[in-house]
Full PDB file with SEQRES, HELIX, SHEET, SSBOND, CRYST1, ORIGX, SCALE, CONECT and MASTER records, all heavy atoms in Angstrom:
SEQRES   1 A   33  SER GLY GLY ASP TRP MET VAL GLN TYR ARG PHE ILE ILE          
SEQRES   2 A   33  PRO ALA VAL PRO PHE LEU SER LEU ALA LEU VAL PHE CYS          
SEQRES   3 A   33  LEU ASN GLU PHE ILE ILE LEU                                  
HELIX    1 AA1 ARG A   10  ALA A   15  5                                   6    
HELIX    2 AA2 VAL A   16  ILE A   32  1                                  17    
CRYST1    1.000    1.000    1.000  90.00  90.00  90.00 P 1           1          
ORIGX1      1.000000  0.000000  0.000000        0.00000                         
ORIGX2      0.000000  1.000000  0.000000        0.00000                         
ORIGX3      0.000000  0.000000  1.000000        0.00000                         
SCALE1      1.000000  0.000000  0.000000        0.00000                         
SCALE2      0.000000  1.000000  0.000000        0.00000                         
SCALE3      0.000000  0.000000  1.000000        0.00000                         
ATOM      1  N   SER A   1      15.786  23.159  49.580  1.00  0.00           N  
ATOM      2  CA  SER A   1      14.978  24.315  49.698  1.00  0.00           C  
ATOM      3  C   SER A   1      14.255  24.755  48.467  1.00  0.00           C  
ATOM      4  O   SER A   1      13.348  25.539  48.550  1.00  0.00           O  
ATOM      5  CB  SER A   1      15.829  25.626  50.266  1.00  0.00           C  
ATOM      6  OG  SER A   1      16.737  25.957  49.345  1.00  0.00           O  
ATOM      7  N   GLY A   2      14.716  24.143  47.370  1.00  0.00           N  
ATOM      8  CA  GLY A   2      14.137  24.466  46.079  1.00  0.00           C  
ATOM      9  C   GLY A   2      14.499  25.802  45.474  1.00  0.00           C  
ATOM     10  O   GLY A   2      13.852  26.372  44.629  1.00  0.00           O  
ATOM     11  N   GLY A   3      15.687  26.294  45.958  1.00  0.00           N  
ATOM     12  CA  GLY A   3      16.203  27.504  45.391  1.00  0.00           C  
ATOM     13  C   GLY A   3      15.611  28.680  46.161  1.00  0.00           C  
ATOM     14  O   GLY A   3      14.915  28.528  47.302  1.00  0.00           O  
ATOM     15  N   ASP A   4      15.642  29.870  45.554  1.00  0.00           N  
ATOM     16  CA  ASP A   4      15.204  31.072  46.297  1.00  0.00           C  
ATOM     17  C   ASP A   4      14.488  32.000  45.230  1.00  0.00           C  
ATOM     18  O   ASP A   4      14.941  32.032  44.041  1.00  0.00           O  
ATOM     19  CB  ASP A   4      16.350  31.796  46.820  1.00  0.00           C  
ATOM     20  CG  ASP A   4      15.999  32.951  47.636  1.00  0.00           C  
ATOM     21  OD1 ASP A   4      14.912  33.024  48.278  1.00  0.00           O  
ATOM     22  OD2 ASP A   4      16.775  33.967  47.672  1.00  0.00           O  
ATOM     23  N   TRP A   5      13.499  32.734  45.681  1.00  0.00           N  
ATOM     24  CA  TRP A   5      12.752  33.595  44.768  1.00  0.00           C  
ATOM     25  C   TRP A   5      13.475  34.940  44.537  1.00  0.00           C  
ATOM     26  O   TRP A   5      13.246  35.641  43.523  1.00  0.00           O  
ATOM     27  CB  TRP A   5      11.356  33.915  45.249  1.00  0.00           C  
ATOM     28  CG  TRP A   5      11.295  34.598  46.609  1.00  0.00           C  
ATOM     29  CD1 TRP A   5      11.371  34.103  47.877  1.00  0.00           C  
ATOM     30  CD2 TRP A   5      11.334  36.121  46.760  1.00  0.00           C  
ATOM     31  NE1 TRP A   5      11.362  35.105  48.774  1.00  0.00           N  
ATOM     32  CE2 TRP A   5      11.338  36.323  48.100  1.00  0.00           C  
ATOM     33  CE3 TRP A   5      11.354  37.141  45.875  1.00  0.00           C  
ATOM     34  CZ2 TRP A   5      11.300  37.554  48.669  1.00  0.00           C  
ATOM     35  CZ3 TRP A   5      11.226  38.471  46.384  1.00  0.00           C  
ATOM     36  CH2 TRP A   5      11.273  38.701  47.800  1.00  0.00           C  
ATOM     37  N   MET A   6      14.450  35.293  45.436  1.00  0.00           N  
ATOM     38  CA  MET A   6      15.103  36.573  45.298  1.00  0.00           C  
ATOM     39  C   MET A   6      16.163  36.416  44.174  1.00  0.00           C  
ATOM     40  O   MET A   6      16.656  35.461  43.869  1.00  0.00           O  
ATOM     41  CB  MET A   6      15.826  36.905  46.542  1.00  0.00           C  
ATOM     42  CG  MET A   6      14.841  37.206  47.748  1.00  0.00           C  
ATOM     43  SD  MET A   6      15.699  37.789  49.249  1.00  0.00           S  
ATOM     44  CE  MET A   6      14.324  37.786  50.439  1.00  0.00           C  
ATOM     45  N   VAL A   7      16.474  37.658  43.636  1.00  0.00           N  
ATOM     46  CA  VAL A   7      17.301  37.758  42.535  1.00  0.00           C  
ATOM     47  C   VAL A   7      18.691  37.452  42.752  1.00  0.00           C  
ATOM     48  O   VAL A   7      19.200  37.492  43.991  1.00  0.00           O  
ATOM     49  CB  VAL A   7      17.306  39.174  41.832  1.00  0.00           C  
ATOM     50  CG1 VAL A   7      15.921  39.543  41.412  1.00  0.00           C  
ATOM     51  CG2 VAL A   7      17.803  40.199  42.913  1.00  0.00           C  
ATOM     52  N   GLN A   8      19.436  36.987  41.773  1.00  0.00           N  
ATOM     53  CA  GLN A   8      20.958  36.791  41.848  1.00  0.00           C  
ATOM     54  C   GLN A   8      21.393  35.866  42.837  1.00  0.00           C  
ATOM     55  O   GLN A   8      22.394  36.049  43.622  1.00  0.00           O  
ATOM     56  CB  GLN A   8      21.594  38.068  41.913  1.00  0.00           C  
ATOM     57  CG  GLN A   8      21.512  39.008  40.715  1.00  0.00           C  
ATOM     58  CD  GLN A   8      22.113  38.350  39.533  1.00  0.00           C  
ATOM     59  OE1 GLN A   8      23.176  37.729  39.614  1.00  0.00           O  
ATOM     60  NE2 GLN A   8      21.603  38.518  38.371  1.00  0.00           N  
ATOM     61  N   TYR A   9      20.741  34.574  43.069  1.00  0.00           N  
ATOM     62  CA  TYR A   9      21.260  33.426  43.518  1.00  0.00           C  
ATOM     63  C   TYR A   9      21.822  33.621  45.009  1.00  0.00           C  
ATOM     64  O   TYR A   9      22.977  33.264  45.287  1.00  0.00           O  
ATOM     65  CB  TYR A   9      22.389  32.854  42.664  1.00  0.00           C  
ATOM     66  CG  TYR A   9      21.973  32.835  41.196  1.00  0.00           C  
ATOM     67  CD1 TYR A   9      22.374  33.833  40.314  1.00  0.00           C  
ATOM     68  CD2 TYR A   9      20.994  31.847  40.743  1.00  0.00           C  
ATOM     69  CE1 TYR A   9      21.954  33.758  38.979  1.00  0.00           C  
ATOM     70  CE2 TYR A   9      20.593  31.906  39.482  1.00  0.00           C  
ATOM     71  CZ  TYR A   9      21.037  32.874  38.545  1.00  0.00           C  
ATOM     72  OH  TYR A   9      20.559  32.834  37.294  1.00  0.00           O  
ATOM     73  N   ARG A  10      20.923  34.088  45.802  1.00  0.00           N  
ATOM     74  CA  ARG A  10      21.349  34.386  47.248  1.00  0.00           C  
ATOM     75  C   ARG A  10      21.840  33.076  47.861  1.00  0.00           C  
ATOM     76  O   ARG A  10      22.854  33.196  48.709  1.00  0.00           O  
ATOM     77  CB  ARG A  10      20.173  34.934  47.981  1.00  0.00           C  
ATOM     78  CG  ARG A  10      20.390  35.173  49.464  1.00  0.00           C  
ATOM     79  CD  ARG A  10      19.156  35.852  50.266  1.00  0.00           C  
ATOM     80  NE  ARG A  10      18.043  35.006  50.011  1.00  0.00           N  
ATOM     81  CZ  ARG A  10      17.178  34.781  51.040  1.00  0.00           C  
ATOM     82  NH1 ARG A  10      17.445  35.367  52.229  1.00  0.00           N  
ATOM     83  NH2 ARG A  10      15.980  34.202  50.821  1.00  0.00           N  
ATOM     84  N   PHE A  11      21.225  31.995  47.689  1.00  0.00           N  
ATOM     85  CA  PHE A  11      21.612  30.748  48.326  1.00  0.00           C  
ATOM     86  C   PHE A  11      22.934  30.183  47.930  1.00  0.00           C  
ATOM     87  O   PHE A  11      23.496  29.309  48.594  1.00  0.00           O  
ATOM     88  CB  PHE A  11      20.465  29.669  48.158  1.00  0.00           C  
ATOM     89  CG  PHE A  11      19.240  29.879  49.007  1.00  0.00           C  
ATOM     90  CD1 PHE A  11      19.189  30.986  49.828  1.00  0.00           C  
ATOM     91  CD2 PHE A  11      18.182  29.016  48.964  1.00  0.00           C  
ATOM     92  CE1 PHE A  11      18.031  31.251  50.574  1.00  0.00           C  
ATOM     93  CE2 PHE A  11      17.065  29.214  49.626  1.00  0.00           C  
ATOM     94  CZ  PHE A  11      16.943  30.315  50.526  1.00  0.00           C  
ATOM     95  N   ILE A  12      23.464  30.706  46.774  1.00  0.00           N  
ATOM     96  CA  ILE A  12      24.825  30.200  46.334  1.00  0.00           C  
ATOM     97  C   ILE A  12      25.916  30.941  46.843  1.00  0.00           C  
ATOM     98  O   ILE A  12      27.100  30.473  46.932  1.00  0.00           O  
ATOM     99  CB  ILE A  12      24.837  30.236  44.800  1.00  0.00           C  
ATOM    100  CG1 ILE A  12      23.652  29.442  44.196  1.00  0.00           C  
ATOM    101  CG2 ILE A  12      26.141  29.594  44.232  1.00  0.00           C  
ATOM    102  CD1 ILE A  12      23.614  27.940  44.372  1.00  0.00           C  
ATOM    103  N   ILE A  13      25.701  32.278  47.290  1.00  0.00           N  
ATOM    104  CA  ILE A  13      26.797  33.191  47.707  1.00  0.00           C  
ATOM    105  C   ILE A  13      27.664  32.519  48.663  1.00  0.00           C  
ATOM    106  O   ILE A  13      28.931  32.688  48.512  1.00  0.00           O  
ATOM    107  CB  ILE A  13      26.142  34.481  48.192  1.00  0.00           C  
ATOM    108  CG1 ILE A  13      25.248  35.036  47.246  1.00  0.00           C  
ATOM    109  CG2 ILE A  13      27.337  35.396  48.516  1.00  0.00           C  
ATOM    110  CD1 ILE A  13      25.710  35.391  45.945  1.00  0.00           C  
ATOM    111  N   PRO A  14      27.300  31.895  49.713  1.00  0.00           N  
ATOM    112  CA  PRO A  14      28.274  31.316  50.746  1.00  0.00           C  
ATOM    113  C   PRO A  14      29.242  30.334  50.078  1.00  0.00           C  
ATOM    114  O   PRO A  14      30.333  30.095  50.621  1.00  0.00           O  
ATOM    115  CB  PRO A  14      27.365  30.595  51.754  1.00  0.00           C  
ATOM    116  CG  PRO A  14      26.039  31.409  51.649  1.00  0.00           C  
ATOM    117  CD  PRO A  14      25.914  31.703  50.257  1.00  0.00           C  
ATOM    118  N   ALA A  15      28.877  29.648  48.974  1.00  0.00           N  
ATOM    119  CA  ALA A  15      29.749  28.643  48.300  1.00  0.00           C  
ATOM    120  C   ALA A  15      30.764  29.378  47.381  1.00  0.00           C  
ATOM    121  O   ALA A  15      31.749  28.828  46.982  1.00  0.00           O  
ATOM    122  CB  ALA A  15      28.876  27.683  47.530  1.00  0.00           C  
ATOM    123  N   VAL A  16      30.486  30.655  46.942  1.00  0.00           N  
ATOM    124  CA  VAL A  16      31.254  31.385  45.956  1.00  0.00           C  
ATOM    125  C   VAL A  16      32.753  31.366  46.297  1.00  0.00           C  
ATOM    126  O   VAL A  16      33.579  31.083  45.429  1.00  0.00           O  
ATOM    127  CB  VAL A  16      30.686  32.801  45.665  1.00  0.00           C  
ATOM    128  CG1 VAL A  16      31.735  33.667  44.879  1.00  0.00           C  
ATOM    129  CG2 VAL A  16      29.388  32.702  44.849  1.00  0.00           C  
ATOM    130  N   PRO A  17      33.104  31.729  47.579  1.00  0.00           N  
ATOM    131  CA  PRO A  17      34.499  31.765  47.843  1.00  0.00           C  
ATOM    132  C   PRO A  17      35.209  30.364  47.703  1.00  0.00           C  
ATOM    133  O   PRO A  17      36.348  30.268  47.283  1.00  0.00           O  
ATOM    134  CB  PRO A  17      34.641  32.169  49.370  1.00  0.00           C  
ATOM    135  CG  PRO A  17      33.249  32.923  49.534  1.00  0.00           C  
ATOM    136  CD  PRO A  17      32.289  32.219  48.799  1.00  0.00           C  
ATOM    137  N   PHE A  18      34.462  29.338  48.001  1.00  0.00           N  
ATOM    138  CA  PHE A  18      34.941  27.989  48.026  1.00  0.00           C  
ATOM    139  C   PHE A  18      34.968  27.484  46.532  1.00  0.00           C  
ATOM    140  O   PHE A  18      35.877  26.653  46.150  1.00  0.00           O  
ATOM    141  CB  PHE A  18      34.156  27.132  48.973  1.00  0.00           C  
ATOM    142  CG  PHE A  18      34.306  27.589  50.411  1.00  0.00           C  
ATOM    143  CD1 PHE A  18      33.459  28.500  50.968  1.00  0.00           C  
ATOM    144  CD2 PHE A  18      35.345  27.219  51.194  1.00  0.00           C  
ATOM    145  CE1 PHE A  18      33.438  28.957  52.234  1.00  0.00           C  
ATOM    146  CE2 PHE A  18      35.527  27.740  52.499  1.00  0.00           C  
ATOM    147  CZ  PHE A  18      34.556  28.497  52.980  1.00  0.00           C  
ATOM    148  N   LEU A  19      34.051  27.948  45.686  1.00  0.00           N  
ATOM    149  CA  LEU A  19      34.133  27.585  44.354  1.00  0.00           C  
ATOM    150  C   LEU A  19      35.266  28.259  43.697  1.00  0.00           C  
ATOM    151  O   LEU A  19      35.973  27.620  42.806  1.00  0.00           O  
ATOM    152  CB  LEU A  19      32.812  28.202  43.637  1.00  0.00           C  
ATOM    153  CG  LEU A  19      31.541  27.374  43.817  1.00  0.00           C  
ATOM    154  CD1 LEU A  19      30.331  28.281  43.288  1.00  0.00           C  
ATOM    155  CD2 LEU A  19      31.517  26.002  43.095  1.00  0.00           C  
ATOM    156  N   SER A  20      35.573  29.491  44.040  1.00  0.00           N  
ATOM    157  CA  SER A  20      36.773  30.161  43.635  1.00  0.00           C  
ATOM    158  C   SER A  20      38.033  29.438  44.022  1.00  0.00           C  
ATOM    159  O   SER A  20      38.961  29.217  43.177  1.00  0.00           O  
ATOM    160  CB  SER A  20      36.859  31.537  44.113  1.00  0.00           C  
ATOM    161  OG  SER A  20      35.627  32.330  43.773  1.00  0.00           O  
ATOM    162  N   LEU A  21      38.168  28.972  45.306  1.00  0.00           N  
ATOM    163  CA  LEU A  21      39.320  28.166  45.663  1.00  0.00           C  
ATOM    164  C   LEU A  21      39.458  26.888  44.936  1.00  0.00           C  
ATOM    165  O   LEU A  21      40.524  26.514  44.444  1.00  0.00           O  
ATOM    166  CB  LEU A  21      39.167  27.873  47.187  1.00  0.00           C  
ATOM    167  CG  LEU A  21      39.568  29.027  48.052  1.00  0.00           C  
ATOM    168  CD1 LEU A  21      39.070  28.670  49.592  1.00  0.00           C  
ATOM    169  CD2 LEU A  21      41.041  29.298  48.164  1.00  0.00           C  
ATOM    170  N   ALA A  22      38.282  26.142  44.744  1.00  0.00           N  
ATOM    171  CA  ALA A  22      38.329  24.867  44.060  1.00  0.00           C  
ATOM    172  C   ALA A  22      38.746  25.080  42.559  1.00  0.00           C  
ATOM    173  O   ALA A  22      39.604  24.221  42.109  1.00  0.00           O  
ATOM    174  CB  ALA A  22      36.977  24.153  44.196  1.00  0.00           C  
ATOM    175  N   LEU A  23      38.273  26.109  41.962  1.00  0.00           N  
ATOM    176  CA  LEU A  23      38.590  26.344  40.543  1.00  0.00           C  
ATOM    177  C   LEU A  23      40.122  26.643  40.441  1.00  0.00           C  
ATOM    178  O   LEU A  23      40.789  26.067  39.422  1.00  0.00           O  
ATOM    179  CB  LEU A  23      37.772  27.518  39.947  1.00  0.00           C  
ATOM    180  CG  LEU A  23      38.104  28.019  38.577  1.00  0.00           C  
ATOM    181  CD1 LEU A  23      38.014  26.850  37.556  1.00  0.00           C  
ATOM    182  CD2 LEU A  23      37.161  29.079  38.141  1.00  0.00           C  
ATOM    183  N   VAL A  24      40.667  27.459  41.265  1.00  0.00           N  
ATOM    184  CA  VAL A  24      42.092  27.851  41.178  1.00  0.00           C  
ATOM    185  C   VAL A  24      42.947  26.600  41.520  1.00  0.00           C  
ATOM    186  O   VAL A  24      44.014  26.378  40.979  1.00  0.00           O  
ATOM    187  CB  VAL A  24      42.368  29.076  42.016  1.00  0.00           C  
ATOM    188  CG1 VAL A  24      43.913  29.288  42.047  1.00  0.00           C  
ATOM    189  CG2 VAL A  24      41.590  30.225  41.554  1.00  0.00           C  
ATOM    190  N   PHE A  25      42.541  25.774  42.422  1.00  0.00           N  
ATOM    191  CA  PHE A  25      43.169  24.575  42.742  1.00  0.00           C  
ATOM    192  C   PHE A  25      43.341  23.699  41.453  1.00  0.00           C  
ATOM    193  O   PHE A  25      44.399  23.229  41.128  1.00  0.00           O  
ATOM    194  CB  PHE A  25      42.436  23.722  43.793  1.00  0.00           C  
ATOM    195  CG  PHE A  25      43.005  23.729  45.224  1.00  0.00           C  
ATOM    196  CD1 PHE A  25      42.329  24.326  46.277  1.00  0.00           C  
ATOM    197  CD2 PHE A  25      44.286  23.108  45.407  1.00  0.00           C  
ATOM    198  CE1 PHE A  25      42.941  24.307  47.531  1.00  0.00           C  
ATOM    199  CE2 PHE A  25      44.762  23.077  46.735  1.00  0.00           C  
ATOM    200  CZ  PHE A  25      44.072  23.760  47.689  1.00  0.00           C  
ATOM    201  N   CYS A  26      42.198  23.586  40.738  1.00  0.00           N  
ATOM    202  CA  CYS A  26      42.167  22.730  39.466  1.00  0.00           C  
ATOM    203  C   CYS A  26      43.081  23.451  38.396  1.00  0.00           C  
ATOM    204  O   CYS A  26      43.820  22.776  37.688  1.00  0.00           O  
ATOM    205  CB  CYS A  26      40.874  22.535  38.964  1.00  0.00           C  
ATOM    206  SG  CYS A  26      39.910  21.443  40.056  1.00  0.00           S  
ATOM    207  N   LEU A  27      43.027  24.776  38.309  1.00  0.00           N  
ATOM    208  CA  LEU A  27      43.881  25.518  37.363  1.00  0.00           C  
ATOM    209  C   LEU A  27      45.342  25.357  37.700  1.00  0.00           C  
ATOM    210  O   LEU A  27      46.088  25.144  36.757  1.00  0.00           O  
ATOM    211  CB  LEU A  27      43.426  26.987  37.399  1.00  0.00           C  
ATOM    212  CG  LEU A  27      42.197  27.319  36.622  1.00  0.00           C  
ATOM    213  CD1 LEU A  27      41.912  28.923  36.786  1.00  0.00           C  
ATOM    214  CD2 LEU A  27      42.286  27.061  35.176  1.00  0.00           C  
ATOM    215  N   ASN A  28      45.660  25.417  38.985  1.00  0.00           N  
ATOM    216  CA  ASN A  28      47.056  25.226  39.345  1.00  0.00           C  
ATOM    217  C   ASN A  28      47.531  23.875  38.901  1.00  0.00           C  
ATOM    218  O   ASN A  28      48.661  23.731  38.484  1.00  0.00           O  
ATOM    219  CB  ASN A  28      47.077  25.468  40.845  1.00  0.00           C  
ATOM    220  CG  ASN A  28      48.580  25.603  41.305  1.00  0.00           C  
ATOM    221  OD1 ASN A  28      49.397  26.239  40.685  1.00  0.00           O  
ATOM    222  ND2 ASN A  28      48.926  24.910  42.381  1.00  0.00           N  
ATOM    223  N   GLU A  29      46.747  22.746  39.134  1.00  0.00           N  
ATOM    224  CA  GLU A  29      47.102  21.516  38.807  1.00  0.00           C  
ATOM    225  C   GLU A  29      47.307  21.341  37.255  1.00  0.00           C  
ATOM    226  O   GLU A  29      48.184  20.699  36.737  1.00  0.00           O  
ATOM    227  CB  GLU A  29      46.057  20.547  39.283  1.00  0.00           C  
ATOM    228  CG  GLU A  29      46.056  20.155  40.682  1.00  0.00           C  
ATOM    229  CD  GLU A  29      47.281  19.537  41.256  1.00  0.00           C  
ATOM    230  OE1 GLU A  29      47.666  18.488  40.591  1.00  0.00           O  
ATOM    231  OE2 GLU A  29      47.841  19.937  42.193  1.00  0.00           O  
ATOM    232  N   PHE A  30      46.444  21.970  36.495  1.00  0.00           N  
ATOM    233  CA  PHE A  30      46.390  21.986  34.985  1.00  0.00           C  
ATOM    234  C   PHE A  30      47.696  22.626  34.564  1.00  0.00           C  
ATOM    235  O   PHE A  30      48.347  22.117  33.604  1.00  0.00           O  
ATOM    236  CB  PHE A  30      45.202  22.656  34.446  1.00  0.00           C  
ATOM    237  CG  PHE A  30      45.154  22.779  32.992  1.00  0.00           C  
ATOM    238  CD1 PHE A  30      44.866  21.682  32.252  1.00  0.00           C  
ATOM    239  CD2 PHE A  30      45.483  24.025  32.383  1.00  0.00           C  
ATOM    240  CE1 PHE A  30      44.861  21.756  30.892  1.00  0.00           C  
ATOM    241  CE2 PHE A  30      45.447  24.154  31.008  1.00  0.00           C  
ATOM    242  CZ  PHE A  30      45.085  23.014  30.269  1.00  0.00           C  
ATOM    243  N   ILE A  31      48.056  23.817  35.126  1.00  0.00           N  
ATOM    244  CA  ILE A  31      49.273  24.541  34.742  1.00  0.00           C  
ATOM    245  C   ILE A  31      50.555  23.614  35.032  1.00  0.00           C  
ATOM    246  O   ILE A  31      51.502  23.579  34.198  1.00  0.00           O  
ATOM    247  CB  ILE A  31      49.356  25.893  35.558  1.00  0.00           C  
ATOM    248  CG1 ILE A  31      48.265  26.827  35.009  1.00  0.00           C  
ATOM    249  CG2 ILE A  31      50.744  26.490  35.310  1.00  0.00           C  
ATOM    250  CD1 ILE A  31      48.098  27.964  35.772  1.00  0.00           C  
ATOM    251  N   ILE A  32      50.517  23.051  36.200  1.00  0.00           N  
ATOM    252  CA  ILE A  32      51.682  22.183  36.515  1.00  0.00           C  
ATOM    253  C   ILE A  32      51.796  20.943  35.677  1.00  0.00           C  
ATOM    254  O   ILE A  32      52.817  20.588  35.155  1.00  0.00           O  
ATOM    255  CB  ILE A  32      51.548  21.645  38.069  1.00  0.00           C  
ATOM    256  CG1 ILE A  32      51.783  22.927  38.933  1.00  0.00           C  
ATOM    257  CG2 ILE A  32      52.638  20.678  38.448  1.00  0.00           C  
ATOM    258  CD1 ILE A  32      51.522  22.681  40.431  1.00  0.00           C  
ATOM    259  N   LEU A  33      50.618  20.289  35.484  1.00  0.00           N  
ATOM    260  CA  LEU A  33      50.657  19.011  34.580  1.00  0.00           C  
ATOM    261  C   LEU A  33      50.992  19.243  33.236  1.00  0.00           C  
ATOM    262  O   LEU A  33      51.878  18.557  32.672  1.00  0.00           O  
ATOM    263  CB  LEU A  33      49.183  18.455  34.675  1.00  0.00           C  
ATOM    264  CG  LEU A  33      49.050  17.141  33.919  1.00  0.00           C  
ATOM    265  CD1 LEU A  33      49.871  15.971  34.685  1.00  0.00           C  
ATOM    266  CD2 LEU A  33      47.558  16.669  33.931  1.00  0.00           C  
TER     267      LEU A  33                                                      
MASTER        0    0    0    2    0    0    0    6  266    1    0    3          
END                                                                             
């Protein structure tokens, strides 16, 4: 879509919960390793 003209990354918001999950998955692996 080429991004969005509206402020603060509207098109990314639906991915934010899943970015949070993926990041903590990696952090958990890092802590264990």
